[in-house]
Amino acid sequence: MATPASPAGPVEVELAALEERIPPEHRMPGGCVYELKWDGYRMVIVRTVNAVRLWSRSGNDLTDRFPEIAAAAVEQMPPDAVVDGEVVIWADGRLSFDLLQHRLAGRSAAVISQARTHPASYIGFDLLSHAGGDVRGDPWTSRRQLLEDMALAWQPPLQLSPYTKDRAEAQRWFDDYRPAGIEGLVVKGAASRYLPGQRGWIKIKNRETRELIVGAVIGPMHRPDAVVAGLYTDAGELVVVGRSVPLSPAQSKSLGSVLTPPAGQHPWPDAIGSGRFGGSREEIVLTKVAPVVVVEVTADTALQGGRFRHPLRYVRHRPDLGADDLDIVVNTA
């Protein structure tokens, strides 16, 4: 890759495959490295000689949305460097994804005020380019040492993500840091190269949250009463996996603002038996929507036929994720 001659970007990042349990220390090449999974937005900082650009995982230029991060990168990062990490906002002792959404969705004129009242932090966890040279082919240990050397000059809002090679300590992090908004763990191989676009890492999430696709709603599209969620099977079929409890007025208004009608034929019927969700056999009329909106829900692990037996609780819309980003699929084999 090397650092671009100009901050044109964007930069393709390495991804993580979801697993249910924390892997043993010997699982990954060179041994496992356990890092925290931050509840924020993935962001790559491209620092050239004359400028800085902040790129999202999906290739959006976020430089104007996080001026405090851009300014710090100019002052504290050496030229011709590319760092991978996560942008987060702390509020009341925990990470606030809502404040990140406000920063991205708000008017440009409000960004400076938001940066003063709720400043963002950048958690760096990998180095892709150093002194203009591509280091993605180097093992993680080498990249990490270069990143740590660079981070000696960092001050907030730039921070270095911690790691451990001790699985027991990683388990304690997983259990203890959730109240602060930590989503779980990311596991990497100490001897592994950086693989753009590939799921070479492992992520373990607290199973209290899941990301699902909104395939339909109950009630009007612009003010839905509840969500009917789906996932794609390994054969590419969108199937119903659960229904939410009633949405609050605020949730209904927020979600309704991003839903759109299906562009073509929708794979779901016009009505569905509520018995699919462990209830009665009465038919529920569906308002079908374009299956492109991803939402986060809380759910227990009780599954029956690949569906959640108990109602889901809606948490939030995830504008940073698309249907293709979800790695939890229903296996039809």
Protein backbone atom coordinates (compact mmCIF):
# COMPACT_ATOMS: atom_id res chain seq x y z
CA MET A 1 0.00 0.00 0.00
CA ALA A 2 2.53 2.59 1.24
CA THR A 3 1.23 5.97 2.23
CA PRO A 4 -0.65 7.65 -0.62
CA ALA A 5 1.13 10.55 -2.29
CA SER A 6 -1.91 12.65 -1.37
CA PRO A 7 -4.58 11.95 1.27
CA ALA A 8 -6.98 10.61 -1.35
CA GLY A 9 -7.70 7.31 0.39
CA PRO A 10 -9.69 5.38 1.38
CA VAL A 11 -7.82 2.48 3.00
CA GLU A 12 -9.14 -1.10 3.12
CA VAL A 13 -9.00 -2.63 6.59
CA GLU A 14 -8.69 -6.12 8.00
CA LEU A 15 -11.90 -7.60 9.44
CA ALA A 16 -12.80 -10.11 12.14
CA ALA A 17 -14.89 -13.28 12.09
CA LEU A 18 -17.32 -13.80 14.93
CA GLU A 19 -16.84 -16.71 17.32
CA GLU A 20 -18.69 -17.69 20.47
CA ARG A 21 -15.79 -18.31 22.85
CA ILE A 22 -12.43 -16.75 23.62
CA PRO A 23 -9.87 -18.92 21.79
CA PRO A 24 -6.96 -20.54 23.66
CA GLU A 25 -3.59 -18.81 23.63
CA HIS A 26 -2.07 -21.14 21.01
CA ARG A 27 -4.94 -20.77 18.50
CA MET A 28 -3.45 -18.02 16.27
CA PRO A 29 -0.07 -17.90 14.47
CA GLY A 30 2.63 -16.90 16.94
CA GLY A 31 0.15 -17.07 19.81
CA CYS A 32 -2.98 -15.05 20.53
CA VAL A 33 -3.02 -11.35 21.21
CA TYR A 34 -6.23 -10.23 22.95
CA GLU A 35 -7.46 -6.65 22.51
CA LEU A 36 -10.59 -4.81 23.62
CA LYS A 37 -13.42 -4.40 21.12
CA TRP A 38 -14.43 -0.75 21.33
CA ASP A 39 -17.98 0.49 20.80
CA GLY A 40 -17.15 3.13 18.21
CA TYR A 41 -16.49 3.70 14.51
CA ARG A 42 -13.58 2.07 12.73
CA MET A 43 -11.26 4.80 11.45
CA VAL A 44 -7.96 4.91 9.58
CA ILE A 45 -5.74 7.97 9.95
CA VAL A 46 -3.69 8.76 6.84
CA ARG A 47 -0.97 11.27 7.75
CA THR A 48 0.97 12.69 4.80
CA VAL A 49 3.63 15.38 4.80
CA ASN A 50 1.13 18.18 4.37
CA ALA A 51 -2.24 16.91 5.52
CA VAL A 52 -4.35 14.34 7.37
CA ARG A 53 -7.42 12.42 6.29
CA LEU A 54 -9.69 10.29 8.48
CA TRP A 55 -11.35 7.40 6.64
CA SER A 56 -14.19 5.18 7.78
CA ARG A 57 -14.28 1.45 7.15
CA SER A 58 -16.80 2.02 4.36
CA GLY A 59 -14.61 4.62 2.65
CA ASN A 60 -16.23 7.83 3.87
CA ASP A 61 -14.05 10.85 4.59
CA LEU A 62 -14.74 11.79 8.23
CA THR A 63 -12.04 14.45 8.58
CA ASP A 64 -14.50 17.33 8.94
CA ARG A 65 -16.55 15.37 11.50
CA PHE A 66 -13.69 14.88 13.95
CA PRO A 67 -11.55 18.04 13.77
CA GLU A 68 -10.03 17.36 17.19
CA ILE A 69 -8.67 14.00 15.98
CA ALA A 70 -7.36 15.49 12.74
CA ALA A 71 -5.60 18.31 14.59
CA ALA A 72 -3.99 15.90 17.05
CA ALA A 73 -2.81 13.65 14.21
CA VAL A 74 -1.11 16.61 12.51
CA GLU A 75 0.69 17.52 15.71
CA GLN A 76 1.51 14.08 17.11
CA MET A 77 1.91 11.67 14.19
CA PRO A 78 4.98 11.59 11.93
CA PRO A 79 4.49 12.18 8.19
CA ASP A 80 3.85 9.26 5.87
CA ALA A 81 2.11 7.04 8.42
CA VAL A 82 -1.18 5.13 8.34
CA VAL A 83 -2.79 3.99 11.62
CA ASP A 84 -5.84 1.76 12.05
CA GLY A 85 -8.08 2.20 15.06
CA GLU A 86 -11.44 3.22 16.47
CA VAL A 87 -12.95 6.62 17.19
CA VAL A 88 -15.03 6.74 20.38
CA ILE A 89 -16.75 9.28 22.60
CA TRP A 90 -16.84 8.93 26.37
CA ALA A 91 -19.79 10.27 28.37
CA ASP A 92 -20.70 9.63 32.00
CA GLY A 93 -17.99 7.04 32.43
CA ARG A 94 -18.82 4.90 29.43
CA LEU A 95 -18.64 4.88 25.63
CA SER A 96 -21.56 6.60 23.90
CA PHE A 97 -22.44 5.33 20.43
CA ASP A 98 -25.36 7.77 20.34
CA LEU A 99 -23.03 10.76 20.56
CA LEU A 100 -20.98 9.36 17.69
CA GLN A 101 -24.15 9.09 15.62
CA HIS A 102 -25.05 12.69 16.44
CA ARG A 103 -21.58 13.79 15.34
CA LEU A 104 -21.94 12.04 11.99
CA ALA A 105 -25.56 12.95 11.32
CA GLY A 106 -25.61 16.51 12.61
CA ARG A 107 -25.16 19.73 10.69
CA SER A 108 -21.58 20.67 9.84
CA ALA A 109 -21.98 23.93 11.72
CA ALA A 110 -22.63 21.98 14.93
CA VAL A 111 -19.48 19.85 14.77
CA ILE A 112 -17.19 22.39 16.47
CA SER A 113 -19.64 22.78 19.34
CA GLN A 114 -20.03 19.01 19.66
CA ALA A 115 -16.25 18.58 19.68
CA ARG A 116 -16.05 20.99 22.62
CA THR A 117 -18.89 19.51 24.66
CA HIS A 118 -18.25 15.84 23.86
CA PRO A 119 -14.73 15.45 22.45
CA ALA A 120 -13.86 12.25 20.64
CA SER A 121 -10.92 9.97 21.36
CA TYR A 122 -8.98 7.85 18.89
CA ILE A 123 -7.83 4.39 19.99
CA GLY A 124 -5.01 3.21 17.72
CA PHE A 125 -4.45 -0.54 17.49
CA ASP A 126 -2.48 -1.25 14.30
CA LEU A 127 0.05 0.32 11.96
CA LEU A 128 -0.25 -0.09 8.19
CA SER A 129 2.44 2.28 6.94
CA HIS A 130 5.53 3.74 8.61
CA ALA A 131 7.90 6.35 7.18
CA GLY A 132 6.24 5.83 3.81
CA GLY A 133 6.84 2.07 3.80
CA ASP A 134 4.13 -0.57 3.72
CA VAL A 135 4.39 -2.66 6.91
CA ARG A 136 1.24 -4.72 6.44
CA GLY A 137 3.36 -7.73 5.48
CA ASP A 138 5.29 -7.56 8.75
CA PRO A 139 4.16 -9.66 11.73
CA TRP A 140 1.88 -8.05 14.29
CA THR A 141 4.68 -7.93 16.87
CA SER A 142 6.81 -5.74 14.58
CA ARG A 143 3.90 -3.47 13.65
CA ARG A 144 2.95 -3.13 17.31
CA GLN A 145 6.48 -2.14 18.35
CA LEU A 146 6.55 0.58 15.68
CA LEU A 147 3.12 1.77 16.80
CA GLU A 148 4.20 1.86 20.45
CA ASP A 149 7.29 3.88 19.52
CA MET A 150 5.09 6.33 17.62
CA ALA A 151 2.59 6.52 20.49
CA LEU A 152 5.28 7.74 22.92
CA ALA A 153 4.55 11.19 21.50
CA TRP A 154 0.77 10.82 21.80
CA GLN A 155 -1.48 12.65 24.19
CA PRO A 156 -5.28 12.61 24.34
CA PRO A 157 -7.27 12.46 22.16
CA LEU A 158 -4.81 9.95 20.61
CA GLN A 159 -4.48 6.78 22.70
CA LEU A 160 -2.95 3.34 22.30
CA SER A 161 -5.22 0.31 22.65
CA PRO A 162 -4.05 -2.14 25.34
CA TYR A 163 -3.50 -5.82 24.70
CA THR A 164 -2.69 -8.97 26.63
CA LYS A 165 -1.39 -12.41 25.71
CA ASP A 166 -2.90 -13.91 28.86
CA ARG A 167 -6.27 -15.55 28.16
CA ALA A 168 -7.29 -15.35 31.81
CA GLU A 169 -6.71 -11.62 31.84
CA ALA A 170 -8.61 -11.32 28.55
CA GLN A 171 -11.55 -13.13 30.17
CA ARG A 172 -11.49 -10.63 33.04
CA TRP A 173 -11.54 -7.76 30.54
CA PHE A 174 -14.47 -9.40 28.76
CA ASP A 175 -16.42 -9.75 32.00
CA ASP A 176 -15.48 -6.55 33.79
CA TYR A 177 -15.33 -3.85 31.10
CA ARG A 178 -18.79 -4.27 29.64
CA PRO A 179 -20.36 -1.58 31.89
CA ALA A 180 -17.94 0.91 30.30
CA GLY A 181 -19.30 0.10 26.85
CA ILE A 182 -16.64 -2.39 25.75
CA GLU A 183 -18.30 -4.79 23.29
CA GLY A 184 -15.98 -7.74 23.80
CA LEU A 185 -12.59 -8.81 22.47
CA VAL A 186 -10.67 -8.92 19.20
CA VAL A 187 -8.05 -11.66 18.88
CA LYS A 188 -5.06 -11.50 16.53
CA GLY A 189 -2.05 -13.67 15.81
CA ALA A 190 1.27 -12.31 17.05
CA ALA A 191 2.98 -13.56 13.89
CA SER A 192 0.16 -12.60 11.51
CA ARG A 193 0.34 -10.16 8.61
CA TYR A 194 -2.26 -7.44 8.12
CA LEU A 195 -4.80 -8.73 5.57
CA PRO A 196 -6.97 -5.97 4.03
CA GLY A 197 -10.52 -7.06 3.30
CA GLN A 198 -10.07 -10.47 4.91
CA ARG A 199 -11.47 -11.77 8.18
CA GLY A 200 -8.14 -12.79 9.65
CA TRP A 201 -8.98 -11.69 13.17
CA ILE A 202 -11.50 -13.16 15.61
CA LYS A 203 -14.08 -11.16 17.55
CA ILE A 204 -15.99 -12.34 20.59
CA LYS A 205 -18.97 -10.22 21.57
CA ASN A 206 -20.98 -10.18 24.73
CA ARG A 207 -23.89 -12.29 23.59
CA GLU A 208 -26.43 -9.89 24.99
CA THR A 209 -26.37 -7.92 21.73
CA ARG A 210 -26.91 -8.98 18.12
CA GLU A 211 -27.04 -7.16 14.79
CA LEU A 212 -29.96 -8.07 12.50
CA ILE A 213 -31.55 -6.81 9.30
CA VAL A 214 -34.91 -5.04 9.33
CA GLY A 215 -36.91 -6.98 6.74
CA ALA A 216 -40.33 -5.71 7.78
CA VAL A 217 -42.13 -3.85 10.52
CA ILE A 218 -45.49 -4.12 12.22
CA GLY A 219 -47.48 -0.94 11.75
CA PRO A 220 -46.79 1.95 9.37
CA MET A 221 -43.32 2.26 7.88
CA HIS A 222 -42.76 5.83 9.05
CA ARG A 223 -43.89 5.04 12.63
CA PRO A 224 -43.38 1.30 13.15
CA ASP A 225 -44.77 -0.44 16.21
CA ALA A 226 -42.26 -3.31 16.15
CA VAL A 227 -39.44 -4.76 14.07
CA VAL A 228 -39.50 -8.08 12.23
CA ALA A 229 -35.84 -8.98 11.79
CA GLY A 230 -34.04 -11.30 9.43
CA LEU A 231 -30.70 -12.79 8.49
CA TYR A 232 -29.37 -14.26 5.27
CA THR A 233 -28.85 -18.00 5.05
CA ASP A 234 -25.73 -19.51 3.58
CA ALA A 235 -27.82 -19.95 0.41
CA GLY A 236 -28.47 -16.19 0.20
CA GLU A 237 -32.11 -16.31 1.37
CA LEU A 238 -33.39 -13.67 3.78
CA VAL A 239 -35.31 -15.46 6.52
CA VAL A 240 -37.30 -14.22 9.50
CA VAL A 241 -35.44 -14.79 12.78
CA GLY A 242 -37.31 -12.70 15.32
CA ARG A 243 -39.71 -9.96 16.29
CA SER A 244 -39.10 -7.11 18.69
CA VAL A 245 -41.16 -5.94 21.62
CA PRO A 246 -43.07 -2.70 20.95
CA LEU A 247 -40.83 0.25 20.14
CA SER A 248 -40.86 3.39 22.24
CA PRO A 249 -42.11 6.55 20.50
CA ALA A 250 -38.53 7.83 20.17
CA GLN A 251 -37.31 4.50 18.75
CA SER A 252 -40.23 4.37 16.34
CA LYS A 253 -39.59 7.88 15.04
CA SER A 254 -35.83 7.34 14.67
CA LEU A 255 -36.12 3.99 12.91
CA GLY A 256 -39.01 5.10 10.71
CA SER A 257 -36.90 7.94 9.34
CA VAL A 258 -34.41 5.53 7.71
CA LEU A 259 -36.78 2.83 6.39
CA THR A 260 -37.67 2.72 2.68
CA PRO A 261 -40.04 0.58 0.59
CA PRO A 262 -38.52 -2.46 -1.14
CA ALA A 263 -37.16 -1.63 -4.59
CA GLY A 264 -38.33 -4.92 -6.13
CA GLN A 265 -39.96 -8.14 -5.09
CA HIS A 266 -39.63 -8.85 -1.38
CA PRO A 267 -39.00 -12.48 -0.31
CA TRP A 268 -41.39 -12.36 2.65
CA PRO A 269 -45.17 -12.88 2.62
CA ASP A 270 -47.74 -10.18 3.39
CA ALA A 271 -48.57 -11.78 6.74
CA ILE A 272 -46.89 -14.23 9.06
CA GLY A 273 -48.12 -16.46 11.87
CA SER A 274 -47.08 -15.17 15.29
CA GLY A 275 -46.50 -18.78 16.31
CA ARG A 276 -43.12 -18.40 14.65
CA PHE A 277 -42.14 -16.26 17.61
CA GLY A 278 -43.53 -18.50 20.32
CA GLY A 279 -46.91 -16.78 20.50
CA SER A 280 -50.38 -17.58 19.23
CA ARG A 281 -51.22 -18.72 15.72
CA GLU A 282 -52.87 -15.50 14.63
CA GLU A 283 -51.64 -13.86 11.46
CA ILE A 284 -49.61 -10.64 11.74
CA VAL A 285 -49.67 -8.28 8.78
CA LEU A 286 -46.21 -7.18 7.72
CA THR A 287 -45.15 -3.85 6.29
CA LYS A 288 -42.24 -4.95 4.14
CA VAL A 289 -39.22 -2.66 3.80
CA ALA A 290 -35.99 -2.63 1.83
CA PRO A 291 -33.78 -5.11 3.74
CA VAL A 292 -30.80 -2.78 4.03
CA VAL A 293 -31.12 -1.29 7.52
CA VAL A 294 -29.13 -3.00 10.26
CA VAL A 295 -30.21 -2.69 13.88
CA GLU A 296 -28.74 -3.80 17.17
CA VAL A 297 -30.97 -5.76 19.51
CA THR A 298 -30.61 -7.56 22.81
CA ALA A 299 -31.63 -11.20 22.77
CA ASP A 300 -31.24 -14.34 24.81
CA THR A 301 -29.73 -17.48 23.33
CA ALA A 302 -32.97 -19.45 23.13
CA LEU A 303 -33.26 -20.48 19.48
CA GLN A 304 -35.75 -22.78 17.80
CA GLY A 305 -35.37 -23.66 14.15
CA GLY A 306 -32.84 -20.85 13.74
CA ARG A 307 -35.25 -18.26 15.23
CA PHE A 308 -35.31 -16.43 18.53
CA ARG A 309 -38.08 -17.87 20.70
CA HIS A 310 -38.39 -14.78 22.84
CA PRO A 311 -38.99 -11.20 21.70
CA LEU A 312 -36.03 -9.02 20.83
CA ARG A 313 -35.45 -5.66 22.46
CA TYR A 314 -34.53 -2.92 20.04
CA VAL A 315 -31.39 -0.97 21.00
CA ARG A 316 -30.46 1.23 18.05
CA HIS A 317 -30.01 1.65 14.33
CA ARG A 318 -26.48 0.86 13.12
CA PRO A 319 -25.81 3.23 10.19
CA ASP A 320 -22.15 2.14 10.11
CA LEU A 321 -23.11 -1.42 9.12
CA GLY A 322 -24.75 -2.90 6.06
CA ALA A 323 -26.34 -6.28 5.46
CA ASP A 324 -23.07 -7.55 3.95
CA ASP A 325 -21.21 -6.76 7.16
CA LEU A 326 -23.17 -9.25 9.24
CA ASP A 327 -21.31 -12.48 9.84
CA ILE A 328 -24.08 -14.21 11.82
CA VAL A 329 -26.04 -16.21 9.27
CA VAL A 330 -28.56 -19.00 9.47
CA ASN A 331 -27.00 -22.27 8.32
CA THR A 332 -29.40 -24.20 6.11
CA ALA A 333 -27.17 -27.20 5.62
